[in-house]
Every structure is written in structure tokens, then in C-alpha cells.
Protein backbone atom coordinates (compact mmCIF):
# COMPACT_ATOMS: atom_id res chain seq x y z
CA UNK A 1 0.00 0.00 0.00
CA UNK A 2 1.35 3.40 -0.98
CA UNK A 3 1.88 5.78 1.94
CA UNK A 4 1.12 9.48 1.81
CA UNK A 5 4.24 10.65 3.62
CA UNK A 6 3.53 14.30 2.98
CA UNK A 7 0.08 13.95 4.53
CA UNK A 8 1.48 12.04 7.51
CA UNK A 9 4.07 14.74 8.10
CA UNK A 10 1.59 17.64 7.76
CA UNK A 11 -0.86 15.87 10.06
CA UNK A 12 1.74 15.39 12.79
CA UNK A 13 3.25 18.83 12.48
CA UNK A 14 -0.01 20.80 12.61
CA UNK A 15 -3.27 19.11 11.58
CA UNK A 16 -3.17 16.63 14.46
CA UNK A 17 -0.69 18.54 16.65
CA UNK A 18 -0.08 16.89 20.02
CA UNK A 19 -0.84 20.09 21.96
CA UNK A 20 -3.08 22.27 19.80
CA UNK A 21 -5.28 19.49 18.37
CA UNK A 22 -5.02 16.50 20.71
CA UNK A 23 -4.50 18.50 23.92
CA UNK A 24 -2.01 15.95 25.24
CA UNK A 25 1.24 16.33 27.22
CA UNK A 26 0.05 19.54 28.88
CA UNK A 27 1.83 18.94 32.21
CA UNK A 28 5.39 19.13 30.80
CA UNK A 29 4.17 21.86 28.47
CA UNK A 30 3.34 24.18 31.37
CA UNK A 31 6.17 23.01 33.61
CA UNK A 32 9.22 23.43 31.38
CA UNK A 33 8.24 26.25 29.02
CA UNK A 34 9.50 29.12 31.17
CA UNK A 35 11.81 29.91 28.24
CA UNK A 36 11.92 28.98 24.56
CA UNK A 37 15.28 27.29 25.20
CA UNK A 38 13.76 24.89 27.73
CA UNK A 39 10.92 24.18 25.32
CA UNK A 40 13.35 23.44 22.49
CA UNK A 41 15.41 21.08 24.66
CA UNK A 42 12.37 19.19 25.94
CA UNK A 43 10.87 19.05 22.47
CA UNK A 44 14.01 17.60 20.90
CA UNK A 45 14.27 14.95 23.62
CA UNK A 46 10.63 13.95 23.12
CA UNK A 47 11.07 13.94 19.34
CA UNK A 48 13.98 11.52 19.64
CA UNK A 49 11.94 9.18 21.83
CA UNK A 50 8.91 9.37 19.53
CA UNK A 51 10.99 8.63 16.45
CA UNK A 52 12.89 5.75 18.04
CA UNK A 53 9.84 4.18 19.71
CA UNK A 54 7.78 4.30 16.51
CA UNK A 55 10.58 2.65 14.52
CA UNK A 56 11.21 -0.09 17.12
CA UNK A 57 7.53 -0.86 17.66
CA UNK A 58 6.74 -0.88 13.94
CA UNK A 59 9.64 -3.25 13.37
CA UNK A 60 8.48 -5.60 16.15
CA UNK A 61 4.74 -5.36 15.59
CA UNK A 62 4.44 -8.87 14.13
CA UNK A 63 6.27 -10.36 17.11
CA UNK A 64 4.09 -8.79 19.81
CA UNK A 65 0.76 -10.43 20.61
CA UNK A 66 -2.31 -8.26 21.03
CA UNK A 67 -2.85 -9.40 24.62
CA UNK A 68 0.45 -8.02 25.93
CA UNK A 69 1.14 -5.20 23.49
CA UNK A 70 0.57 -2.29 25.91
CA UNK A 71 2.99 -3.51 28.62
CA UNK A 72 5.56 -4.30 25.93
CA UNK A 73 5.15 -0.84 24.40
CA UNK A 74 5.64 0.78 27.81
CA UNK A 75 8.80 -1.25 28.47
CA UNK A 76 10.27 -0.37 25.08
CA UNK A 77 9.48 3.32 25.56
CA UNK A 78 10.93 3.25 29.10
CA UNK A 79 14.18 1.75 27.78
CA UNK A 80 14.46 4.44 25.09
CA UNK A 81 13.71 7.21 27.59
CA UNK A 82 16.41 5.87 29.90
CA UNK A 83 18.89 6.06 27.04
CA UNK A 84 17.80 9.62 26.24
CA UNK A 85 18.05 10.58 29.91
CA UNK A 86 21.62 9.28 30.18
CA UNK A 87 22.64 10.88 26.89
CA UNK A 88 21.34 14.31 27.93
CA UNK A 89 23.02 13.97 31.32
CA UNK A 90 26.32 13.11 29.63
CA UNK A 91 26.42 15.66 26.80
CA UNK A 92 23.96 18.40 27.80
CA UNK A 93 24.31 18.42 31.55
CA UNK A 94 23.14 22.01 32.07
CA UNK A 95 19.94 21.27 30.17
CA UNK A 96 19.59 18.06 32.18
CA UNK A 97 19.69 20.06 35.43
CA UNK A 98 17.00 22.43 34.13
CA UNK A 99 14.57 19.81 32.82
CA UNK A 100 15.21 17.45 35.72
CA UNK A 101 12.45 14.93 36.39
CA UNK A 102 10.55 15.78 33.22
CA UNK A 103 12.99 13.82 31.05
CA UNK A 104 12.21 10.44 32.71
CA UNK A 105 8.53 11.38 32.72
CA UNK A 106 8.53 11.21 28.90
CA UNK A 107 7.73 7.55 29.61
CA UNK A 108 4.20 8.52 30.67
CA UNK A 109 3.73 11.11 27.94
CA UNK A 110 0.40 10.13 26.39
CA UNK A 111 1.50 11.16 22.92
CA UNK A 112 4.36 8.63 22.85
CA UNK A 113 2.28 5.62 23.89
CA UNK A 114 -0.64 6.89 21.81
CA UNK A 115 1.35 6.98 18.57
CA UNK A 116 2.75 3.52 19.32
CA UNK A 117 -0.74 2.09 19.72
CA UNK A 118 -2.61 4.05 17.05
CA UNK A 119 0.02 4.26 14.31
CA UNK A 120 3.30 2.37 14.75
CA UNK A 121 1.71 -0.96 15.70
CA UNK A 122 -0.30 -0.97 12.46
CA UNK A 123 1.97 0.63 9.87
CA UNK A 124 5.30 0.07 8.14
CA UNK A 125 8.61 1.21 9.65
CA UNK A 126 9.22 4.14 7.29
CA UNK A 127 5.72 5.55 7.68
CA UNK A 128 6.01 5.16 11.47
CA UNK A 129 9.34 6.99 11.44
CA UNK A 130 7.80 9.89 9.50
CA UNK A 131 4.87 9.98 11.93
CA UNK A 132 7.14 9.98 14.99
CA UNK A 133 9.33 12.72 13.58
CA UNK A 134 6.37 14.88 12.58
CA UNK A 135 4.58 14.45 15.91
CA UNK A 136 7.78 15.28 17.78
CA UNK A 137 8.47 18.38 15.70
CA UNK A 138 4.86 19.51 16.13
CA UNK A 139 5.20 19.11 19.89
CA UNK A 140 8.52 20.97 19.82
CA UNK A 141 6.87 23.80 17.88
CA UNK A 142 4.15 24.10 20.52
CA UNK A 143 6.72 24.14 23.34
CA UNK A 144 8.78 26.84 21.61
CA UNK A 145 5.76 29.02 20.85
CA UNK A 146 4.42 28.93 24.41
CA UNK A 147 7.86 29.15 25.98
CA UNK A 148 8.73 32.07 23.72
CA UNK A 149 5.59 33.98 24.68
CA UNK A 150 6.25 33.47 28.39
CA UNK A 151 9.92 34.39 28.03
CA UNK A 152 9.13 37.59 26.12
CA UNK A 153 6.61 38.69 28.75
CA UNK A 154 8.86 37.74 31.64
CA UNK A 155 12.27 38.98 30.51
CA UNK A 156 11.98 40.34 26.93
CA UNK A 157 14.44 37.77 25.60
CA UNK A 158 14.26 34.77 23.28
CA UNK A 159 16.28 31.58 23.69
CA UNK A 160 18.21 32.99 26.64
CA UNK A 161 21.25 30.88 27.62
CA UNK A 162 20.75 28.61 24.59
CA UNK A 163 24.52 28.23 24.19
CA UNK A 164 24.87 27.19 27.85
CA UNK A 165 22.02 24.68 27.83
CA UNK A 166 22.20 23.29 24.30
CA UNK A 167 25.78 23.97 23.24
CA UNK A 168 27.73 26.68 21.43
CA UNK A 169 26.05 25.83 18.13
CA UNK A 170 22.81 27.37 19.41
CA UNK A 171 24.33 30.71 20.44
CA UNK A 172 22.91 32.41 17.33
CA UNK A 173 19.39 31.94 18.73
CA UNK A 174 19.99 34.14 21.79
CA UNK A 175 18.12 37.42 21.37
CA UNK A 176 17.44 40.36 23.69
CA UNK A 177 14.34 42.20 22.53
CA UNK A 178 14.28 45.00 25.11
CA UNK A 179 17.53 45.87 26.92
CA UNK A 180 17.20 46.59 30.67
CA UNK A 181 13.66 45.24 30.70
CA UNK A 182 12.00 45.77 34.11
CA UNK A 183 8.83 43.75 33.82
CA UNK A 184 5.62 43.39 31.90
CA UNK A 185 3.85 46.79 31.70
CA UNK A 186 0.30 46.98 32.97
CA UNK A 187 -2.03 49.44 34.59
CA UNK A 188 -1.83 50.16 38.30
CA UNK A 189 -4.77 47.94 39.24
CA UNK A 190 -3.23 44.93 37.52
CA UNK A 191 0.13 45.64 39.14
CA UNK A 192 -1.50 45.77 42.58
CA UNK A 193 -3.22 42.46 41.91
CA UNK A 194 0.04 40.77 40.89
CA UNK A 195 2.11 42.19 43.72
CA UNK A 196 -0.44 42.20 46.54
CA UNK A 197 0.86 45.63 47.49
CA UNK A 198 -0.03 49.29 47.03
CA UNK A 199 1.53 50.86 43.93
CA UNK A 200 3.40 53.94 45.14
CA UNK A 201 2.60 57.28 43.60
CA UNK A 202 5.00 58.45 40.96
CA UNK A 203 5.86 54.95 39.72
CA UNK A 204 3.34 55.04 36.85
CA UNK A 205 4.72 56.20 33.53
CA UNK A 206 2.98 56.45 30.22
CA UNK A 207 -0.29 55.12 31.59
CA UNK A 208 1.31 51.88 32.75
CA UNK A 209 3.31 50.36 35.55
CA UNK A 210 5.98 47.70 35.39
CA UNK A 211 4.75 44.70 37.32
CA UNK A 212 8.18 43.89 38.68
CA UNK A 213 8.83 47.48 39.72
CA UNK A 214 5.43 47.86 41.36
CA UNK A 215 5.87 44.66 43.31
CA UNK A 216 9.33 45.66 44.44
CA UNK A 217 8.07 48.27 46.87
CA UNK A 218 6.51 45.85 49.28
CA UNK A 219 6.58 42.21 50.22
CA UNK A 220 3.32 42.46 52.15
CA UNK A 221 -0.19 41.75 51.00
CA UNK A 222 -2.94 39.26 51.83
CA UNK A 223 -2.71 37.45 48.50
CA UNK A 224 1.01 37.72 47.89
CA UNK A 225 1.70 33.97 47.88
CA UNK A 226 -1.00 33.23 45.32
CA UNK A 227 -0.14 36.16 43.11
CA UNK A 228 3.57 35.27 43.08
CA UNK A 229 2.68 31.76 41.96
CA UNK A 230 0.32 33.06 39.25
CA UNK A 231 2.91 35.53 38.00
CA UNK A 232 5.54 32.78 37.79
CA UNK A 233 3.11 30.60 35.84
CA UNK A 234 2.13 33.34 33.38
CA UNK A 235 5.41 35.17 32.93
CA UNK A 236 7.80 32.31 33.53
CA UNK A 237 10.26 34.34 35.53
CA UNK A 238 11.24 35.02 39.09
CA UNK A 239 9.46 38.14 40.41
CA UNK A 240 11.68 41.20 40.49
CA UNK A 241 11.09 41.71 44.20
CA UNK A 242 12.62 38.27 44.89
CA UNK A 243 15.71 38.81 42.75
CA UNK A 244 18.91 39.32 44.65
CA UNK A 245 17.92 37.05 47.50
CA UNK A 246 20.19 34.20 48.40
């Protein structure tokens, strides 16, 4: 049977995107995408596992009985993730320290097991390889887009420390959009909500207030703990008022 490799690739990259269409793997998506660099690293690791697992499972599909296929798939994926985990620890140790537990947790990523069951166990090796690559690249694209948005809002940079985390070959990606950026600008009411503190007079400029600057005046406020956590989630950066602490 002739395979439509172009259709398979387009479907994995966008039409059936792991995040935007299937809404899978959202936990690592929100956890590691504080910067585009983290998203790129996690995406490449997941892409490697998806590609390898699809190829291995497609090659072994005639040897695996239907009754035990899911446990076998999980064991194969776990072995590949262990190899990826050790490789990243050996050659990209700084990235390994940033991603931490989320590399081994690729084992329970629904998209990896899902593609093994839905596609690789029923199709030829080459088609499964194209599907794994496309799904991985689509997931990487989603991680970079969301990580980039959070990084821009939080620090006005893109791919910060890419050369440190991914190697010198990625240094060209590092971009500073706004030098001496002091925080995401918002009106005074929003700044008060984020910081849990009163915005001092005279700190508003141009109709807006920098969230980090507004929060820096006080560490008090009834909702400070919750608002700090929300700001970290949205902006993906350490609040300005906490910077400089040991």
C-alpha cells in the first residue's frame, strides 16, 4: 500500500498537533516552558523518543501479541527514555539540570504511547518513522511558541542561555528584545493584583506600571503567595522583588 508521507508529516506537524489538536502532554508543556530554550530542549528529547519508539515498535509489531502489546510498548518506551536521559546527562548536563524529572517522565507522555498504539503498531517502519518525527516536531513547535511567549513577557528575551544549555552551536538563537527590561507593563490595578501591594505614587509612567517594579516596593499583601505563583506561571520568571535574594 502506498503511503502518503507528505500527509502524515503535515498531520503530525499541525493538523493533528499533540498540543493544539489533541491537547495531550500539557503537564510538561506548562512546567518546562519558562523559556523557549527549555521548550526546544524538551521538544528535541521527546522527538527523539517518539521517532525511536515508533521505529522499534513498527519493526516488532508482528512479534508482539495483542494481549500483551501495551505492557511491551511501555517497556520499550521506558528503555528508550532511559537512554535519552543518560545521553542528555552526559552531553547536555546544564539542560539536564534544568529539565530534571521531566525527562524520565517522557515515559508517561500520552502522545508517545498513543502513537505507538494508534500508528506504529499498524503501519510500516518508514511511515512510522515519519509519523514519529512529525509528531515530535509539532510538539517541539508548541513548546517553543508557548515558551517564547512566556519568556518575552517575563524577561523580553528569546532563547536565553541557549549556548549554555544546548551547546555553542545554538548561540545564534539568543536574542534580547528589550535591553534593561523591568517587567511586563500593565495598569496600576493589575500591578497591585500581581504584587499584593499598594503601587506607590509616581511609579506610573505612560499610563502603565511595570509589574516587577510595582511589586518591588513591598513584600506584604494578603494574596502575595498566590499572586507570586500566578505571575511565575504566566510570565515564567522570578518576580523582580525576589531577585537578589540568596
